[in-house]
C-alpha atoms as a PDB file:
ATOM      1  CA  MET A   1      49.153 -49.436 -92.795  1.00  0.00           C
ATOM      2  CA  THR A   2      45.513 -50.322 -92.701  1.00  0.00           C
ATOM      3  CA  ASP A   3      43.411 -47.359 -92.441  1.00  0.00           C
ATOM      4  CA  LEU A   4      41.310 -48.050 -89.271  1.00  0.00           C
ATOM      5  CA  PRO A   5      37.387 -47.968 -90.186  1.00  0.00           C
ATOM      6  CA  THR A   6      35.845 -45.088 -90.283  1.00  0.00           C
ATOM      7  CA  PRO A   7      33.292 -44.468 -87.325  1.00  0.00           C
ATOM      8  CA  PRO A   8      30.026 -44.442 -87.560  1.00  0.00           C
ATOM      9  CA  PRO A   9      27.841 -40.908 -87.193  1.00  0.00           C
ATOM     10  CA  SER A  10      26.306 -40.538 -83.818  1.00  0.00           C
ATOM     11  CA  ALA A  11      22.706 -40.811 -83.957  1.00  0.00           C
ATOM     12  CA  SER A  12      21.173 -37.515 -83.587  1.00  0.00           C
ATOM     13  CA  PRO A  13      18.590 -37.575 -81.004  1.00  0.00           C
ATOM     14  CA  PRO A  14      14.812 -38.256 -81.656  1.00  0.00           C
ATOM     15  CA  ALA A  15      13.297 -35.358 -82.486  1.00  0.00           C
ATOM     16  CA  GLY A  16      10.260 -35.021 -79.883  1.00  0.00           C
ATOM     17  CA  LYS A  17      12.245 -36.121 -76.722  1.00  0.00           C
ATOM     18  CA  GLY A  18      12.068 -33.992 -73.910  1.00  0.00           C
ATOM     19  CA  PHE A  19       9.443 -33.154 -70.901  1.00  0.00           C
ATOM     20  CA  PRO A  20       6.550 -35.921 -71.437  1.00  0.00           C
ATOM     21  CA  VAL A  21       3.642 -33.352 -72.336  1.00  0.00           C
ATOM     22  CA  GLY A  22       1.772 -36.523 -72.793  1.00  0.00           C
ATOM     23  CA  ARG A  23       1.733 -38.371 -69.784  1.00  0.00           C
ATOM     24  CA  PHE A  24       1.657 -35.251 -68.039  1.00  0.00           C
ATOM     25  CA  VAL A  25      -1.370 -34.511 -68.771  1.00  0.00           C
ATOM     26  CA  VAL A  26      -3.144 -38.156 -68.542  1.00  0.00           C
ATOM     27  CA  GLY A  27      -1.661 -37.772 -65.197  1.00  0.00           C
ATOM     28  CA  LEU A  28      -2.969 -34.308 -63.946  1.00  0.00           C
ATOM     29  CA  VAL A  29      -6.367 -35.554 -65.874  1.00  0.00           C
ATOM     30  CA  VAL A  30      -5.900 -38.739 -63.440  1.00  0.00           C
ATOM     31  CA  LEU A  31      -5.251 -37.140 -61.118  1.00  0.00           C
ATOM     32  CA  ALA A  32      -8.575 -34.172 -60.710  1.00  0.00           C
ATOM     33  CA  ILE A  33     -10.882 -37.173 -61.331  1.00  0.00           C
ATOM     34  CA  GLY A  34      -9.258 -38.657 -58.246  1.00  0.00           C
ATOM     35  CA  VAL A  35      -9.400 -35.612 -55.903  1.00  0.00           C
ATOM     36  CA  ALA A  36     -13.081 -34.881 -57.662  1.00  0.00           C
ATOM     37  CA  ALA A  37     -13.895 -38.832 -56.454  1.00  0.00           C
ATOM     38  CA  LEU A  38     -12.492 -38.275 -53.160  1.00  0.00           C
ATOM     39  CA  LEU A  39     -14.206 -34.898 -52.701  1.00  0.00           C
ATOM     40  CA  GLN A  40     -17.364 -36.592 -53.569  1.00  0.00           C
ATOM     41  CA  ALA A  41     -17.063 -39.614 -51.439  1.00  0.00           C
ATOM     42  CA  LEU A  42     -16.683 -37.141 -48.314  1.00  0.00           C
ATOM     43  CA  ASP A  43     -19.389 -35.004 -49.305  1.00  0.00           C
ATOM     44  CA  VAL A  44     -17.233 -32.323 -49.353  1.00  0.00           C
ATOM     45  CA  SER A  45     -19.131 -30.827 -53.256  1.00  0.00           C
ATOM     46  CA  ILE A  46     -21.934 -32.336 -54.927  1.00  0.00           C
ATOM     47  CA  HIS A  47     -21.339 -30.109 -57.934  1.00  0.00           C
ATOM     48  CA  ILE A  48     -17.006 -31.135 -58.811  1.00  0.00           C
ATOM     49  CA  TRP A  49     -17.941 -32.894 -61.800  1.00  0.00           C
ATOM     50  CA  LYS A  50     -18.968 -30.125 -64.179  1.00  0.00           C
ATOM     51  CA  VAL A  51     -15.564 -28.676 -62.858  1.00  0.00           C
ATOM     52  CA  VAL A  52     -13.607 -31.044 -63.599  1.00  0.00           C
ATOM     53  CA  LEU A  53     -14.661 -32.974 -66.299  1.00  0.00           C
ATOM     54  CA  PRO A  54     -14.533 -29.729 -68.783  1.00  0.00           C
ATOM     55  CA  GLY A  55     -11.318 -28.583 -67.008  1.00  0.00           C
ATOM     56  CA  ALA A  56      -9.949 -32.067 -68.045  1.00  0.00           C
ATOM     57  CA  LEU A  57     -11.095 -31.870 -71.515  1.00  0.00           C
ATOM     58  CA  ILE A  58      -9.165 -27.958 -71.712  1.00  0.00           C
ATOM     59  CA  ALA A  59      -5.906 -30.101 -70.236  1.00  0.00           C
ATOM     60  CA  VAL A  60      -5.526 -32.356 -72.848  1.00  0.00           C
ATOM     61  CA  GLY A  61      -6.617 -29.653 -75.744  1.00  0.00           C
ATOM     62  CA  ALA A  62      -3.830 -27.228 -74.272  1.00  0.00           C
ATOM     63  CA  GLY A  63      -1.372 -31.046 -74.100  1.00  0.00           C
ATOM     64  CA  LEU A  64      -2.139 -31.128 -77.951  1.00  0.00           C
ATOM     65  CA  VAL A  65      -1.158 -27.683 -78.428  1.00  0.00           C
ATOM     66  CA  ILE A  66       2.226 -28.473 -76.876  1.00  0.00           C
ATOM     67  CA  SER A  67       2.678 -31.304 -78.409  1.00  0.00           C
ATOM     68  CA  GLY A  68       2.377 -29.765 -81.860  1.00  0.00           C
ATOM     69  CA  LEU A  69       4.302 -26.564 -81.136  1.00  0.00           C
ATOM     70  CA  ARG A  70       7.247 -29.161 -79.779  1.00  0.00           C
ATOM     71  CA  SER A  71       6.498 -31.457 -82.838  1.00  0.00           C
ATOM     72  CA  VAL A  72       5.812 -34.662 -80.567  1.00  0.00           C
ATOM     73  CA  ARG A  73       4.695 -37.361 -83.189  1.00  0.00           C
ATOM     74  CA  SER A  74       2.950 -39.935 -80.695  1.00  0.00           C
ATOM     75  CA  GLN A  75      -0.558 -37.668 -79.835  1.00  0.00           C
ATOM     76  CA  GLY A  76      -3.175 -41.118 -79.997  1.00  0.00           C
ATOM     77  CA  GLY A  77      -3.307 -41.211 -76.176  1.00  0.00           C
ATOM     78  CA  LEU A  78      -4.204 -37.623 -75.844  1.00  0.00           C
ATOM     79  CA  ILE A  79      -6.372 -37.694 -78.711  1.00  0.00           C
ATOM     80  CA  SER A  80      -8.177 -40.914 -77.459  1.00  0.00           C
ATOM     81  CA  ILE A  81      -8.826 -38.959 -74.022  1.00  0.00           C
ATOM     82  CA  GLY A  82     -10.045 -36.490 -75.367  1.00  0.00           C
ATOM     83  CA  ILE A  83     -12.037 -37.786 -77.781  1.00  0.00           C
ATOM     84  CA  VAL A  84     -14.092 -40.014 -74.835  1.00  0.00           C
ATOM     85  CA  LEU A  85     -14.586 -36.242 -72.627  1.00  0.00           C
ATOM     86  CA  THR A  86     -16.233 -34.556 -75.798  1.00  0.00           C
ATOM     87  CA  VAL A  87     -18.897 -37.290 -76.380  1.00  0.00           C
ATOM     88  CA  VAL A  88     -18.941 -37.882 -72.385  1.00  0.00           C
ATOM     89  CA  LEU A  89     -19.520 -33.815 -71.798  1.00  0.00           C
ATOM     90  CA  THR A  90     -21.521 -33.969 -75.439  1.00  0.00           C
ATOM     91  CA  ILE A  91     -24.474 -36.082 -74.590  1.00  0.00           C
ATOM     92  CA  ALA A  92     -24.171 -35.036 -70.592  1.00  0.00           C
ATOM     93  CA  SER A  93     -25.560 -31.508 -72.259  1.00  0.00           C
ATOM     94  CA  ILE A  94     -28.016 -33.666 -74.469  1.00  0.00           C
ATOM     95  CA  VAL A  95     -29.732 -35.735 -72.021  1.00  0.00           C
ATOM     96  CA  GLY A  96     -29.070 -33.211 -69.080  1.00  0.00           C
ATOM     97  CA  ILE A  97     -26.952 -36.078 -67.019  1.00  0.00           C
ATOM     98  CA  PRO A  98     -26.278 -35.066 -63.518  1.00  0.00           C
ATOM     99  CA  PHE A  99     -23.073 -35.682 -62.737  1.00  0.00           C
ATOM    100  CA  GLU A 100     -24.253 -35.100 -58.365  1.00  0.00           C
ATOM    101  CA  GLY A 101     -24.845 -37.794 -55.866  1.00  0.00           C
ATOM    102  CA  GLY A 102     -22.301 -40.192 -56.156  1.00  0.00           C
ATOM    103  CA  VAL A 103     -22.099 -44.052 -57.884  1.00  0.00           C
ATOM    104  CA  GLY A 104     -23.590 -47.018 -57.120  1.00  0.00           C
ATOM    105  CA  GLU A 105     -26.894 -48.363 -55.150  1.00  0.00           C
ATOM    106  CA  ARG A 106     -28.698 -46.281 -52.759  1.00  0.00           C
ATOM    107  CA  VAL A 107     -31.892 -47.069 -51.003  1.00  0.00           C
ATOM    108  CA  ALA A 108     -33.391 -44.145 -48.981  1.00  0.00           C
ATOM    109  CA  ARG A 109     -36.574 -45.377 -46.593  1.00  0.00           C
ATOM    110  CA  PRO A 110     -37.688 -42.860 -44.463  1.00  0.00           C
ATOM    111  CA  THR A 111     -39.974 -44.098 -41.450  1.00  0.00           C
ATOM    112  CA  ALA A 112     -40.970 -39.902 -40.149  1.00  0.00           C
ATOM    113  CA  VAL A 113     -41.770 -37.006 -42.685  1.00  0.00           C
ATOM    114  CA  ASP A 114     -39.104 -34.988 -41.859  1.00  0.00           C
ATOM    115  CA  GLN A 115     -36.786 -37.589 -42.201  1.00  0.00           C
ATOM    116  CA  LEU A 116     -37.791 -37.081 -45.754  1.00  0.00           C
ATOM    117  CA  LYS A 117     -35.607 -34.979 -48.175  1.00  0.00           C
ATOM    118  CA  ASP A 118     -36.423 -32.262 -50.777  1.00  0.00           C
ATOM    119  CA  GLU A 119     -34.016 -33.602 -53.001  1.00  0.00           C
ATOM    120  CA  TYR A 120     -32.031 -36.527 -53.848  1.00  0.00           C
ATOM    121  CA  ARG A 121     -29.083 -37.553 -56.274  1.00  0.00           C
ATOM    122  CA  LEU A 122     -27.118 -39.999 -57.613  1.00  0.00           C
ATOM    123  CA  ALA A 123     -25.068 -40.000 -60.865  1.00  0.00           C
ATOM    124  CA  ILE A 124     -25.061 -43.368 -61.769  1.00  0.00           C
ATOM    125  CA  GLY A 125     -26.082 -46.526 -60.287  1.00  0.00           C
ATOM    126  CA  GLN A 126     -29.912 -47.417 -59.019  1.00  0.00           C
ATOM    127  CA  LEU A 127     -31.591 -44.780 -56.598  1.00  0.00           C
ATOM    128  CA  THR A 128     -34.264 -46.473 -54.598  1.00  0.00           C
ATOM    129  CA  ILE A 129     -37.155 -44.201 -52.335  1.00  0.00           C
ATOM    130  CA  ASP A 130     -39.204 -46.543 -50.399  1.00  0.00           C
ATOM    131  CA  LEU A 131     -42.140 -44.751 -48.649  1.00  0.00           C
ATOM    132  CA  THR A 132     -43.860 -47.494 -47.650  1.00  0.00           C
ATOM    133  CA  GLN A 133     -42.806 -46.873 -44.020  1.00  0.00           C
ATOM    134  CA  LEU A 134     -44.041 -43.397 -43.520  1.00  0.00           C
ATOM    135  CA  PRO A 135     -46.922 -43.235 -41.107  1.00  0.00           C
ATOM    136  CA  PRO A 136     -50.542 -42.480 -43.055  1.00  0.00           C
ATOM    137  CA  ARG A 137     -50.831 -38.653 -43.771  1.00  0.00           C
ATOM    138  CA  GLU A 138     -53.610 -36.223 -42.060  1.00  0.00           C
ATOM    139  CA  THR A 139     -56.451 -35.332 -44.121  1.00  0.00           C
ATOM    140  CA  GLY A 140     -55.691 -31.798 -44.860  1.00  0.00           C
ATOM    141  CA  ALA A 141     -51.744 -32.097 -44.908  1.00  0.00           C
ATOM    142  CA  PRO A 142     -49.889 -30.250 -47.232  1.00  0.00           C
ATOM    143  CA  ALA A 143     -48.374 -32.502 -49.991  1.00  0.00           C
ATOM    144  CA  SER A 144     -44.676 -33.659 -49.429  1.00  0.00           C
ATOM    145  CA  LYS A 145     -42.774 -32.221 -53.106  1.00  0.00           C
ATOM    146  CA  ILE A 146     -40.200 -34.710 -53.588  1.00  0.00           C
ATOM    147  CA  ARG A 147     -37.648 -33.928 -56.251  1.00  0.00           C
ATOM    148  CA  ALA A 148     -35.408 -36.898 -57.668  1.00  0.00           C
ATOM    149  CA  ARG A 149     -32.411 -37.023 -60.370  1.00  0.00           C
ATOM    150  CA  VAL A 150     -30.286 -40.120 -61.826  1.00  0.00           C
ATOM    151  CA  GLY A 151     -27.765 -39.052 -64.571  1.00  0.00           C
ATOM    152  CA  LEU A 152     -27.182 -42.788 -65.922  1.00  0.00           C
ATOM    153  CA  GLY A 153     -29.499 -45.612 -64.500  1.00  0.00           C
ATOM    154  CA  GLN A 154     -32.326 -46.662 -62.617  1.00  0.00           C
ATOM    155  CA  LEU A 155     -34.744 -44.297 -60.296  1.00  0.00           C
ATOM    156  CA  VAL A 156     -37.730 -46.385 -58.630  1.00  0.00           C
ATOM    157  CA  VAL A 157     -40.429 -45.205 -56.587  1.00  0.00           C
ATOM    158  CA  VAL A 158     -42.153 -46.878 -54.480  1.00  0.00           C
ATOM    159  CA  VAL A 159     -45.770 -45.391 -52.935  1.00  0.00           C
ATOM    160  CA  PRO A 160     -47.487 -46.834 -50.229  1.00  0.00           C
ATOM    161  CA  PHE A 161     -50.466 -48.710 -52.414  1.00  0.00           C
ATOM    162  CA  GLY A 162     -54.015 -46.318 -52.254  1.00  0.00           C
ATOM    163  CA  GLU A 163     -51.911 -43.198 -51.484  1.00  0.00           C
ATOM    164  CA  LEU A 164     -52.883 -39.786 -53.511  1.00  0.00           C
ATOM    165  CA  VAL A 165     -50.075 -38.658 -55.807  1.00  0.00           C
ATOM    166  CA  ASP A 166     -49.046 -36.351 -58.722  1.00  0.00           C
ATOM    167  CA  VAL A 167     -45.933 -37.649 -60.509  1.00  0.00           C
ATOM    168  CA  ASN A 168     -44.127 -35.678 -63.576  1.00  0.00           C
ATOM    169  CA  GLY A 169     -41.305 -38.268 -64.830  1.00  0.00           C
ATOM    170  CA  HIS A 170     -38.460 -37.535 -67.408  1.00  0.00           C
ATOM    171  CA  ALA A 171     -35.802 -39.173 -69.728  1.00  0.00           C
ATOM    172  CA  GLY A 172     -33.465 -37.663 -71.613  1.00  0.00           C
ATOM    173  CA  VAL A 173     -33.060 -41.607 -73.042  1.00  0.00           C
ATOM    174  CA  GLY A 174     -34.699 -44.087 -72.084  1.00  0.00           C
ATOM    175  CA  ASP A 175     -37.850 -45.125 -70.245  1.00  0.00           C
ATOM    176  CA  VAL A 176     -41.010 -43.942 -68.055  1.00  0.00           C
ATOM    177  CA  THR A 177     -42.975 -46.354 -66.375  1.00  0.00           C
ATOM    178  CA  LEU A 178     -45.645 -44.749 -63.947  1.00  0.00           C
ATOM    179  CA  PHE A 179     -48.297 -47.190 -62.403  1.00  0.00           C
ATOM    180  CA  GLY A 180     -47.528 -49.958 -65.457  1.00  0.00           C
ATOM    181  CA  HIS A 181     -47.978 -46.885 -67.574  1.00  0.00           C
ATOM    182  CA  SER A 182     -44.878 -46.852 -69.681  1.00  0.00           C
ATOM    183  CA  ASN A 183     -43.356 -44.009 -72.663  1.00  0.00           C
ATOM    184  CA  GLY A 184     -39.935 -44.756 -73.663  1.00  0.00           C
ATOM    185  CA  GLY A 185     -37.246 -42.992 -76.440  1.00  0.00           C
ATOM    186  CA  PHE A 186     -35.928 -39.806 -76.280  1.00  0.00           C
ATOM    187  CA  ASP A 187     -36.853 -36.516 -74.498  1.00  0.00           C
ATOM    188  CA  VAL A 188     -39.993 -39.026 -72.280  1.00  0.00           C
ATOM    189  CA  ASP A 189     -42.098 -37.361 -70.479  1.00  0.00           C
ATOM    190  CA  ASN A 190     -45.345 -39.376 -68.967  1.00  0.00           C
ATOM    191  CA  ALA A 191     -47.231 -37.571 -66.117  1.00  0.00           C
ATOM    192  CA  PHE A 192     -49.907 -39.360 -63.298  1.00  0.00           C
ATOM    193  CA  SER A 193     -51.988 -37.459 -61.409  1.00  0.00           C
ATOM    194  CA  SER A 194     -54.465 -39.404 -58.718  1.00  0.00           C
ATOM    195  CA  SER A 195     -58.173 -38.777 -59.026  1.00  0.00           C
ATOM    196  CA  VAL A 196     -58.973 -36.703 -55.703  1.00  0.00           C
ATOM    197  CA  PRO A 197     -62.165 -37.093 -53.848  1.00  0.00           C
ATOM    198  CA  VAL A 198     -64.119 -34.140 -52.204  1.00  0.00           C
ATOM    199  CA  GLY A 199     -62.311 -33.822 -48.050  1.00  0.00           C
ATOM    200  CA  SER A 200     -58.980 -35.402 -49.949  1.00  0.00           C
ATOM    201  CA  SER A 201     -55.908 -34.183 -51.253  1.00  0.00           C
ATOM    202  CA  ILE A 202     -52.786 -34.917 -53.052  1.00  0.00           C
ATOM    203  CA  VAL A 203     -49.852 -36.441 -50.456  1.00  0.00           C
ATOM    204  CA  TYR A 204     -46.689 -37.159 -52.741  1.00  0.00           C
ATOM    205  CA  SER A 205     -45.948 -34.341 -55.158  1.00  0.00           C
ATOM    206  CA  LEU A 206     -42.891 -36.022 -57.137  1.00  0.00           C
ATOM    207  CA  ASP A 207     -40.401 -34.420 -60.265  1.00  0.00           C
ATOM    208  CA  LEU A 208     -38.429 -37.738 -61.581  1.00  0.00           C
ATOM    209  CA  SER A 209     -36.319 -37.930 -64.151  1.00  0.00           C
ATOM    210  CA  VAL A 210     -32.750 -39.317 -65.392  1.00  0.00           C
ATOM    211  CA  GLY A 211     -30.449 -38.667 -68.105  1.00  0.00           C
ATOM    212  CA  VAL A 212     -30.106 -42.002 -69.682  1.00  0.00           C
ATOM    213  CA  GLY A 213     -32.151 -45.075 -67.497  1.00  0.00           C
ATOM    214  CA  GLU A 214     -35.285 -45.888 -66.227  1.00  0.00           C
ATOM    215  CA  VAL A 215     -37.655 -44.185 -64.103  1.00  0.00           C
ATOM    216  CA  THR A 216     -40.245 -46.473 -62.093  1.00  0.00           C
ATOM    217  CA  VAL A 217     -43.602 -45.619 -59.789  1.00  0.00           C
ATOM    218  CA  ARG A 218     -45.461 -48.082 -58.127  1.00  0.00           C
ATOM    219  CA  TYR A 219     -47.172 -49.223 -55.356  1.00  0.00           C
ATOM    220  CA  GLY A 220     -45.959 -51.392 -52.608  1.00  0.00           C
END
């Protein structure tokens, strides 16, 4: 009588199978970023990224801890995301990148003084503030103070030719060019102040900065 072949031992389930910690954390990060982008697009909050990015990094760290406790071998995706978030937050803190104001190309072209905003912000992209459509200022009128911030990109301000201005420009990394005079590098500051004749006064006082990119002020 021929012996029946011994059935092979059943394969034990691979270690680490079960709840997909990595995919769950990645899903949470993507969901949080999507919600943040939606809220910012709806102007519900301009400071949402200051919460989302550190929160996403904490979630990735927690996922790595849980994966380690569960002996999950594949953690490369979480580690990569964690590295990217850490680099972004580190650069943002060093050079002062603001994560408010949206993304893209924005142009502000006010035609009356009351249309000027005290502050303009853009996270990533190009922000242009064109002041050439404003009517001439009356003698003795107070200066219009304008503050503008761009996180990553270019900030351009066009001033009516001949108007008296006071400008302070800053770039964490990049260039600051004020009426043709440029400074570049890391932690760059550049300033310009018009010579004020007797009986006249500064019309625009500009405080401008980019985290990474370029500040340009020119006559138009």
